[in-house]
């Protein structure tokens, strides 16, 4: 859960074009774009190329990250 909260906080605090959907209580974080020129699915595609494993969602167009052990290491690589 710690990584989940850190990812949600990083999106909220550091990426003004994106927002977190809901308040993730466990191991999944979903985000969408609040900027008309930023496509959340394109953000997800770019992240996938850097090793993130994501799933696309719609209504709203968004992406979710399952915070598994592997994703913890990817997050730590890019965030710290």
PDB file of N, CA and C in Angstrom:
ATOM      1  N   UNK A   1       0.808  -1.201   0.000  1.00  0.00           N
ATOM      2  CA  UNK A   1       0.000   0.000   0.000  1.00  0.00           C
ATOM      3  C   UNK A   1       0.847   1.259   0.000  1.00  0.00           C
ATOM      4  N   UNK A   2       2.035   1.190   0.530  1.00  0.00           N
ATOM      5  CA  UNK A   2       2.887   2.360   0.567  1.00  0.00           C
ATOM      6  C   UNK A   2       3.201   2.859  -0.842  1.00  0.00           C
ATOM      7  N   UNK A   3       3.529   1.942  -1.753  1.00  0.00           N
ATOM      8  CA  UNK A   3       3.807   2.352  -3.134  1.00  0.00           C
ATOM      9  C   UNK A   3       2.562   2.931  -3.781  1.00  0.00           C
ATOM     10  N   UNK A   4       1.425   2.336  -3.525  1.00  0.00           N
ATOM     11  CA  UNK A   4       0.160   2.854  -4.072  1.00  0.00           C
ATOM     12  C   UNK A   4      -0.024   4.311  -3.662  1.00  0.00           C
ATOM     13  N   UNK A   5       0.144   4.589  -2.399  1.00  0.00           N
ATOM     14  CA  UNK A   5      -0.039   5.960  -1.896  1.00  0.00           C
ATOM     15  C   UNK A   5       1.013   6.892  -2.478  1.00  0.00           C
ATOM     16  N   UNK A   6       2.263   6.423  -2.603  1.00  0.00           N
ATOM     17  CA  UNK A   6       3.320   7.273  -3.163  1.00  0.00           C
ATOM     18  C   UNK A   6       3.043   7.602  -4.622  1.00  0.00           C
ATOM     19  N   UNK A   7       2.562   6.620  -5.389  1.00  0.00           N
ATOM     20  CA  UNK A   7       2.231   6.884  -6.799  1.00  0.00           C
ATOM     21  C   UNK A   7       1.078   7.875  -6.879  1.00  0.00           C
ATOM     22  N   UNK A   8       0.038   7.655  -6.102  1.00  0.00           N
ATOM     23  CA  UNK A   8      -1.103   8.574  -6.107  1.00  0.00           C
ATOM     24  C   UNK A   8      -0.668   9.981  -5.719  1.00  0.00           C
ATOM     25  N   UNK A   9       0.163  10.090  -4.698  1.00  0.00           N
ATOM     26  CA  UNK A   9       0.644  11.408  -4.268  1.00  0.00           C
ATOM     27  C   UNK A   9       1.528  12.055  -5.332  1.00  0.00           C
ATOM     28  N   UNK A  10       2.365  11.267  -5.992  1.00  0.00           N
ATOM     29  CA  UNK A  10       3.233  11.820  -7.036  1.00  0.00           C
ATOM     30  C   UNK A  10       2.395  12.377  -8.180  1.00  0.00           C
ATOM     31  N   UNK A  11       1.354  11.664  -8.564  1.00  0.00           N
ATOM     32  CA  UNK A  11       0.476  12.165  -9.632  1.00  0.00           C
ATOM     33  C   UNK A  11      -0.189  13.459  -9.180  1.00  0.00           C
ATOM     34  N   UNK A  12      -0.742  13.446  -7.988  1.00  0.00           N
ATOM     35  CA  UNK A  12      -1.465  14.614  -7.463  1.00  0.00           C
ATOM     36  C   UNK A  12      -0.545  15.816  -7.273  1.00  0.00           C
ATOM     37  N   UNK A  13       0.635  15.579  -6.722  1.00  0.00           N
ATOM     38  CA  UNK A  13       1.530  16.683  -6.356  1.00  0.00           C
ATOM     39  C   UNK A  13       2.422  17.170  -7.499  1.00  0.00           C
ATOM     40  N   UNK A  14       2.798  16.268  -8.416  1.00  0.00           N
ATOM     41  CA  UNK A  14       3.844  16.598  -9.387  1.00  0.00           C
ATOM     42  C   UNK A  14       3.391  16.683 -10.841  1.00  0.00           C
ATOM     43  N   UNK A  15       2.179  16.233 -11.137  1.00  0.00           N
ATOM     44  CA  UNK A  15       1.740  16.210 -12.531  1.00  0.00           C
ATOM     45  C   UNK A  15       0.384  16.912 -12.626  1.00  0.00           C
ATOM     46  N   UNK A  16       0.389  18.222 -12.800  1.00  0.00           N
ATOM     47  CA  UNK A  16      -0.868  18.973 -12.755  1.00  0.00           C
ATOM     48  C   UNK A  16      -1.855  18.622 -13.877  1.00  0.00           C
ATOM     49  N   UNK A  17      -1.379  18.006 -14.949  1.00  0.00           N
ATOM     50  CA  UNK A  17      -2.269  17.652 -16.053  1.00  0.00           C
ATOM     51  C   UNK A  17      -3.083  16.379 -15.784  1.00  0.00           C
ATOM     52  N   UNK A  18      -2.706  15.631 -14.762  1.00  0.00           N
ATOM     53  CA  UNK A  18      -3.379  14.367 -14.446  1.00  0.00           C
ATOM     54  C   UNK A  18      -4.068  14.444 -13.089  1.00  0.00           C
ATOM     55  N   UNK A  19      -5.035  13.552 -12.889  1.00  0.00           N
ATOM     56  CA  UNK A  19      -5.648  13.427 -11.572  1.00  0.00           C
ATOM     57  C   UNK A  19      -5.890  11.956 -11.270  1.00  0.00           C
ATOM     58  N   UNK A  20      -5.902  11.636  -9.996  1.00  0.00           N
ATOM     59  CA  UNK A  20      -6.145  10.273  -9.528  1.00  0.00           C
ATOM     60  C   UNK A  20      -7.648  10.084  -9.412  1.00  0.00           C
ATOM     61  N   UNK A  21      -8.123   8.958  -9.915  1.00  0.00           N
ATOM     62  CA  UNK A  21      -9.546   8.629  -9.801  1.00  0.00           C
ATOM     63  C   UNK A  21      -9.805   8.032  -8.414  1.00  0.00           C
ATOM     64  N   UNK A  22     -10.632   8.670  -7.658  1.00  0.00           N
ATOM     65  CA  UNK A  22     -10.968   8.176  -6.329  1.00  0.00           C
ATOM     66  C   UNK A  22      -9.835   8.334  -5.341  1.00  0.00           C
ATOM     67  N   UNK A  23      -9.889   7.521  -4.293  1.00  0.00           N
ATOM     68  CA  UNK A  23      -8.886   7.526  -3.243  1.00  0.00           C
ATOM     69  C   UNK A  23      -8.422   6.081  -3.074  1.00  0.00           C
ATOM     70  N   UNK A  24      -7.346   5.688  -3.768  1.00  0.00           N
ATOM     71  CA  UNK A  24      -6.966   4.278  -3.784  1.00  0.00           C
ATOM     72  C   UNK A  24      -6.658   3.723  -2.381  1.00  0.00           C
ATOM     73  N   UNK A  25      -7.468   2.758  -1.923  1.00  0.00           N
ATOM     74  CA  UNK A  25      -7.261   2.217  -0.583  1.00  0.00           C
ATOM     75  C   UNK A  25      -6.290   1.031  -0.519  1.00  0.00           C
ATOM     76  N   UNK A  26      -5.980   0.452  -1.664  1.00  0.00           N
ATOM     77  CA  UNK A  26      -5.173  -0.773  -1.625  1.00  0.00           C
ATOM     78  C   UNK A  26      -4.063  -0.742  -2.660  1.00  0.00           C
ATOM     79  N   UNK A  27      -4.131  -1.585  -3.664  1.00  0.00           N
ATOM     80  CA  UNK A  27      -2.974  -1.769  -4.547  1.00  0.00           C
ATOM     81  C   UNK A  27      -3.191  -1.356  -5.997  1.00  0.00           C
ATOM     82  N   UNK A  28      -4.194  -0.544  -6.275  1.00  0.00           N
ATOM     83  CA  UNK A  28      -4.434  -0.086  -7.649  1.00  0.00           C
ATOM     84  C   UNK A  28      -4.606   1.426  -7.644  1.00  0.00           C
ATOM     85  N   UNK A  29      -3.917   2.078  -8.581  1.00  0.00           N
ATOM     86  CA  UNK A  29      -4.061   3.525  -8.763  1.00  0.00           C
ATOM     87  C   UNK A  29      -4.516   3.761 -10.195  1.00  0.00           C
ATOM     88  N   UNK A  30      -5.573   4.534 -10.365  1.00  0.00           N
ATOM     89  CA  UNK A  30      -6.033   4.901 -11.702  1.00  0.00           C
ATOM     90  C   UNK A  30      -5.899   6.408 -11.858  1.00  0.00           C
ATOM     91  N   UNK A  31      -5.485   6.821 -13.061  1.00  0.00           N
ATOM     92  CA  UNK A  31      -5.373   8.255 -13.323  1.00  0.00           C
ATOM     93  C   UNK A  31      -5.927   8.594 -14.692  1.00  0.00           C
ATOM     94  N   UNK A  32      -6.369   9.833 -14.812  1.00  0.00           N
ATOM     95  CA  UNK A  32      -6.919  10.365 -16.059  1.00  0.00           C
ATOM     96  C   UNK A  32      -6.362  11.762 -16.259  1.00  0.00           C
ATOM     97  N   UNK A  33      -6.635  12.321 -17.425  1.00  0.00           N
ATOM     98  CA  UNK A  33      -6.145  13.664 -17.738  1.00  0.00           C
ATOM     99  C   UNK A  33      -7.216  14.708 -17.460  1.00  0.00           C
ATOM    100  N   UNK A  34      -6.784  15.839 -16.934  1.00  0.00           N
ATOM    101  CA  UNK A  34      -7.691  16.973 -16.782  1.00  0.00           C
ATOM    102  C   UNK A  34      -7.310  18.094 -17.742  1.00  0.00           C
ATOM    103  N   UNK A  35      -6.367  17.814 -18.625  1.00  0.00           N
ATOM    104  CA  UNK A  35      -5.902  18.790 -19.607  1.00  0.00           C
ATOM    105  C   UNK A  35      -6.319  18.321 -21.000  1.00  0.00           C
ATOM    106  N   UNK A  36      -6.947  19.184 -21.789  1.00  0.00           N
ATOM    107  CA  UNK A  36      -7.452  18.746 -23.099  1.00  0.00           C
ATOM    108  C   UNK A  36      -6.372  18.277 -24.078  1.00  0.00           C
ATOM    109  N   UNK A  37      -5.134  18.688 -23.880  1.00  0.00           N
ATOM    110  CA  UNK A  37      -4.074  18.289 -24.804  1.00  0.00           C
ATOM    111  C   UNK A  37      -3.265  17.094 -24.305  1.00  0.00           C
ATOM    112  N   UNK A  38      -3.641  16.548 -23.157  1.00  0.00           N
ATOM    113  CA  UNK A  38      -2.931  15.388 -22.606  1.00  0.00           C
ATOM    114  C   UNK A  38      -3.883  14.193 -22.631  1.00  0.00           C
ATOM    115  N   UNK A  39      -3.474  13.151 -23.340  1.00  0.00           N
ATOM    116  CA  UNK A  39      -4.258  11.928 -23.451  1.00  0.00           C
ATOM    117  C   UNK A  39      -3.694  10.904 -22.464  1.00  0.00           C
ATOM    118  N   UNK A  40      -4.503  10.489 -21.502  1.00  0.00           N
ATOM    119  CA  UNK A  40      -4.039   9.545 -20.479  1.00  0.00           C
ATOM    120  C   UNK A  40      -3.540   8.244 -21.102  1.00  0.00           C
ATOM    121  N   UNK A  41      -4.150   7.804 -22.193  1.00  0.00           N
ATOM    122  CA  UNK A  41      -3.710   6.565 -22.828  1.00  0.00           C
ATOM    123  C   UNK A  41      -2.341   6.734 -23.477  1.00  0.00           C
ATOM    124  N   UNK A  42      -2.051   7.906 -24.003  1.00  0.00           N
ATOM    125  CA  UNK A  42      -0.714   8.163 -24.549  1.00  0.00           C
ATOM    126  C   UNK A  42       0.321   8.223 -23.428  1.00  0.00           C
ATOM    127  N   UNK A  43      -0.070   8.774 -22.283  1.00  0.00           N
ATOM    128  CA  UNK A  43       0.823   8.765 -21.120  1.00  0.00           C
ATOM    129  C   UNK A  43       1.114   7.319 -20.731  1.00  0.00           C
ATOM    130  N   UNK A  44       0.078   6.499 -20.701  1.00  0.00           N
ATOM    131  CA  UNK A  44       0.252   5.089 -20.383  1.00  0.00           C
ATOM    132  C   UNK A  44       1.157   4.370 -21.369  1.00  0.00           C
ATOM    133  N   UNK A  45       1.008   4.669 -22.660  1.00  0.00           N
ATOM    134  CA  UNK A  45       1.867   4.063 -23.679  1.00  0.00           C
ATOM    135  C   UNK A  45       3.332   4.442 -23.445  1.00  0.00           C
ATOM    136  N   UNK A  46       3.568   5.709 -23.148  1.00  0.00           N
ATOM    137  CA  UNK A  46       4.943   6.158 -22.887  1.00  0.00           C
ATOM    138  C   UNK A  46       5.504   5.477 -21.640  1.00  0.00           C
ATOM    139  N   UNK A  47       4.686   5.318 -20.625  1.00  0.00           N
ATOM    140  CA  UNK A  47       5.145   4.641 -19.407  1.00  0.00           C
ATOM    141  C   UNK A  47       5.429   3.164 -19.673  1.00  0.00           C
ATOM    142  N   UNK A  48       4.605   2.538 -20.503  1.00  0.00           N
ATOM    143  CA  UNK A  48       4.816   1.123 -20.843  1.00  0.00           C
ATOM    144  C   UNK A  48       6.174   0.906 -21.487  1.00  0.00           C
ATOM    145  N   UNK A  49       6.578   1.845 -22.319  1.00  0.00           N
ATOM    146  CA  UNK A  49       7.882   1.749 -22.975  1.00  0.00           C
ATOM    147  C   UNK A  49       9.031   1.842 -21.973  1.00  0.00           C
ATOM    148  N   UNK A  50       8.738   2.335 -20.776  1.00  0.00           N
ATOM    149  CA  UNK A  50       9.772   2.467 -19.739  1.00  0.00           C
ATOM    150  C   UNK A  50       9.663   1.368 -18.680  1.00  0.00           C
ATOM    151  N   UNK A  51       8.853   0.349 -18.947  1.00  0.00           N
ATOM    152  CA  UNK A  51       8.796  -0.786 -18.052  1.00  0.00           C
ATOM    153  C   UNK A  51       7.584  -0.895 -17.152  1.00  0.00           C
ATOM    154  N   UNK A  52       6.690   0.081 -17.194  1.00  0.00           N
ATOM    155  CA  UNK A  52       5.486   0.022 -16.380  1.00  0.00           C
ATOM    156  C   UNK A  52       4.500  -0.953 -17.026  1.00  0.00           C
ATOM    157  N   UNK A  53       3.736  -1.657 -16.209  1.00  0.00           N
ATOM    158  CA  UNK A  53       2.676  -2.540 -16.691  1.00  0.00           C
ATOM    159  C   UNK A  53       1.353  -1.901 -16.295  1.00  0.00           C
ATOM    160  N   UNK A  54       0.611  -1.454 -17.307  1.00  0.00           N
ATOM    161  CA  UNK A  54      -0.595  -0.670 -17.082  1.00  0.00           C
ATOM    162  C   UNK A  54      -1.772  -1.275 -17.839  1.00  0.00           C
ATOM    163  N   UNK A  55      -2.960  -0.863 -17.467  1.00  0.00           N
ATOM    164  CA  UNK A  55      -4.171  -1.262 -18.169  1.00  0.00           C
ATOM    165  C   UNK A  55      -4.976  -0.023 -18.512  1.00  0.00           C
ATOM    166  N   UNK A  56      -5.467   0.023 -19.748  1.00  0.00           N
ATOM    167  CA  UNK A  56      -6.284   1.143 -20.197  1.00  0.00           C
ATOM    168  C   UNK A  56      -7.725   0.949 -19.720  1.00  0.00           C
ATOM    169  N   UNK A  57      -8.354   2.060 -19.397  1.00  0.00           N
ATOM    170  CA  UNK A  57      -9.757   2.082 -18.981  1.00  0.00           C
ATOM    171  C   UNK A  57     -10.485   3.125 -19.826  1.00  0.00           C
ATOM    172  N   UNK A  58     -11.803   3.105 -19.771  1.00  0.00           N
ATOM    173  CA  UNK A  58     -12.545   4.176 -20.439  1.00  0.00           C
ATOM    174  C   UNK A  58     -13.683   4.646 -19.551  1.00  0.00           C
ATOM    175  N   UNK A  59     -14.204   5.813 -19.889  1.00  0.00           N
ATOM    176  CA  UNK A  59     -15.292   6.460 -19.145  1.00  0.00           C
ATOM    177  C   UNK A  59     -14.912   6.723 -17.695  1.00  0.00           C
ATOM    178  N   UNK A  60     -14.015   7.616 -17.413  1.00  0.00           N
ATOM    179  CA  UNK A  60     -13.245   8.437 -18.348  1.00  0.00           C
ATOM    180  C   UNK A  60     -12.046   7.660 -18.894  1.00  0.00           C
ATOM    181  N   UNK A  61     -11.537   8.162 -20.019  1.00  0.00           N
ATOM    182  CA  UNK A  61     -10.334   7.567 -20.597  1.00  0.00           C
ATOM    183  C   UNK A  61      -9.232   7.689 -19.547  1.00  0.00           C
ATOM    184  N   UNK A  62      -8.705   6.544 -19.127  1.00  0.00           N
ATOM    185  CA  UNK A  62      -7.754   6.545 -18.018  1.00  0.00           C
ATOM    186  C   UNK A  62      -6.884   5.297 -18.060  1.00  0.00           C
ATOM    187  N   UNK A  63      -5.964   5.216 -17.112  1.00  0.00           N
ATOM    188  CA  UNK A  63      -5.022   4.112 -17.016  1.00  0.00           C
ATOM    189  C   UNK A  63      -4.963   3.691 -15.554  1.00  0.00           C
ATOM    190  N   UNK A  64      -4.803   2.381 -15.324  1.00  0.00           N
ATOM    191  CA  UNK A  64      -4.586   1.992 -13.938  1.00  0.00           C
ATOM    192  C   UNK A  64      -3.331   1.150 -13.805  1.00  0.00           C
ATOM    193  N   UNK A  65      -2.725   1.291 -12.630  1.00  0.00           N
ATOM    194  CA  UNK A  65      -1.480   0.624 -12.276  1.00  0.00           C
ATOM    195  C   UNK A  65      -1.784  -0.314 -11.111  1.00  0.00           C
ATOM    196  N   UNK A  66      -1.508  -1.594 -11.294  1.00  0.00           N
ATOM    197  CA  UNK A  66      -1.584  -2.541 -10.182  1.00  0.00           C
ATOM    198  C   UNK A  66      -0.217  -2.545  -9.504  1.00  0.00           C
ATOM    199  N   UNK A  67      -0.175  -2.198  -8.260  1.00  0.00           N
ATOM    200  CA  UNK A  67       1.097  -2.058  -7.541  1.00  0.00           C
ATOM    201  C   UNK A  67       1.573  -3.413  -7.027  1.00  0.00           C
ATOM    202  N   UNK A  68       2.179  -4.160  -7.929  1.00  0.00           N
ATOM    203  CA  UNK A  68       2.740  -5.464  -7.610  1.00  0.00           C
ATOM    204  C   UNK A  68       4.188  -5.295  -7.152  1.00  0.00           C
ATOM    205  N   UNK A  69       4.817  -6.386  -6.767  1.00  0.00           N
ATOM    206  CA  UNK A  69       6.226  -6.330  -6.371  1.00  0.00           C
ATOM    207  C   UNK A  69       7.071  -5.784  -7.513  1.00  0.00           C
ATOM    208  N   UNK A  70       6.811  -6.224  -8.742  1.00  0.00           N
ATOM    209  CA  UNK A  70       7.579  -5.729  -9.891  1.00  0.00           C
ATOM    210  C   UNK A  70       7.366  -4.233 -10.090  1.00  0.00           C
ATOM    211  N   UNK A  71       6.147  -3.767  -9.955  1.00  0.00           N
ATOM    212  CA  UNK A  71       5.888  -2.343 -10.147  1.00  0.00           C
ATOM    213  C   UNK A  71       6.530  -1.518  -9.041  1.00  0.00           C
ATOM    214  N   UNK A  72       6.665  -2.079  -7.859  1.00  0.00           N
ATOM    215  CA  UNK A  72       7.368  -1.358  -6.789  1.00  0.00           C
ATOM    216  C   UNK A  72       8.789  -1.025  -7.227  1.00  0.00           C
ATOM    217  N   UNK A  73       9.477  -1.985  -7.843  1.00  0.00           N
ATOM    218  CA  UNK A  73      10.863  -1.738  -8.264  1.00  0.00           C
ATOM    219  C   UNK A  73      10.916  -0.732  -9.408  1.00  0.00           C
ATOM    220  N   UNK A  74       9.957  -0.775 -10.332  1.00  0.00           N
ATOM    221  CA  UNK A  74       9.918   0.209 -11.434  1.00  0.00           C
ATOM    222  C   UNK A  74       9.676   1.596 -10.851  1.00  0.00           C
ATOM    223  N   UNK A  75       8.731   1.710  -9.925  1.00  0.00           N
ATOM    224  CA  UNK A  75       8.444   2.988  -9.303  1.00  0.00           C
ATOM    225  C   UNK A  75       9.671   3.549  -8.598  1.00  0.00           C
ATOM    226  N   UNK A  76      10.348   2.717  -7.829  1.00  0.00           N
ATOM    227  CA  UNK A  76      11.529   3.173  -7.110  1.00  0.00           C
ATOM    228  C   UNK A  76      12.630   3.608  -8.071  1.00  0.00           C
ATOM    229  N   UNK A  77      12.748   2.935  -9.211  1.00  0.00           N
ATOM    230  CA  UNK A  77      13.751   3.304 -10.210  1.00  0.00           C
ATOM    231  C   UNK A  77      13.515   4.712 -10.756  1.00  0.00           C
ATOM    232  N   UNK A  78      12.264   5.064 -11.029  1.00  0.00           N
ATOM    233  CA  UNK A  78      11.969   6.360 -11.633  1.00  0.00           C
ATOM    234  C   UNK A  78      11.702   7.466 -10.616  1.00  0.00           C
ATOM    235  N   UNK A  79      11.250   7.125  -9.459  1.00  0.00           N
ATOM    236  CA  UNK A  79      10.849   8.160  -8.517  1.00  0.00           C
ATOM    237  C   UNK A  79      11.980   8.589  -7.589  1.00  0.00           C
ATOM    238  N   UNK A  80      12.912   7.697  -7.313  1.00  0.00           N
ATOM    239  CA  UNK A  80      13.980   8.036  -6.364  1.00  0.00           C
ATOM    240  C   UNK A  80      15.319   8.088  -7.042  1.00  0.00           C
TER     241      UNK A  80
END
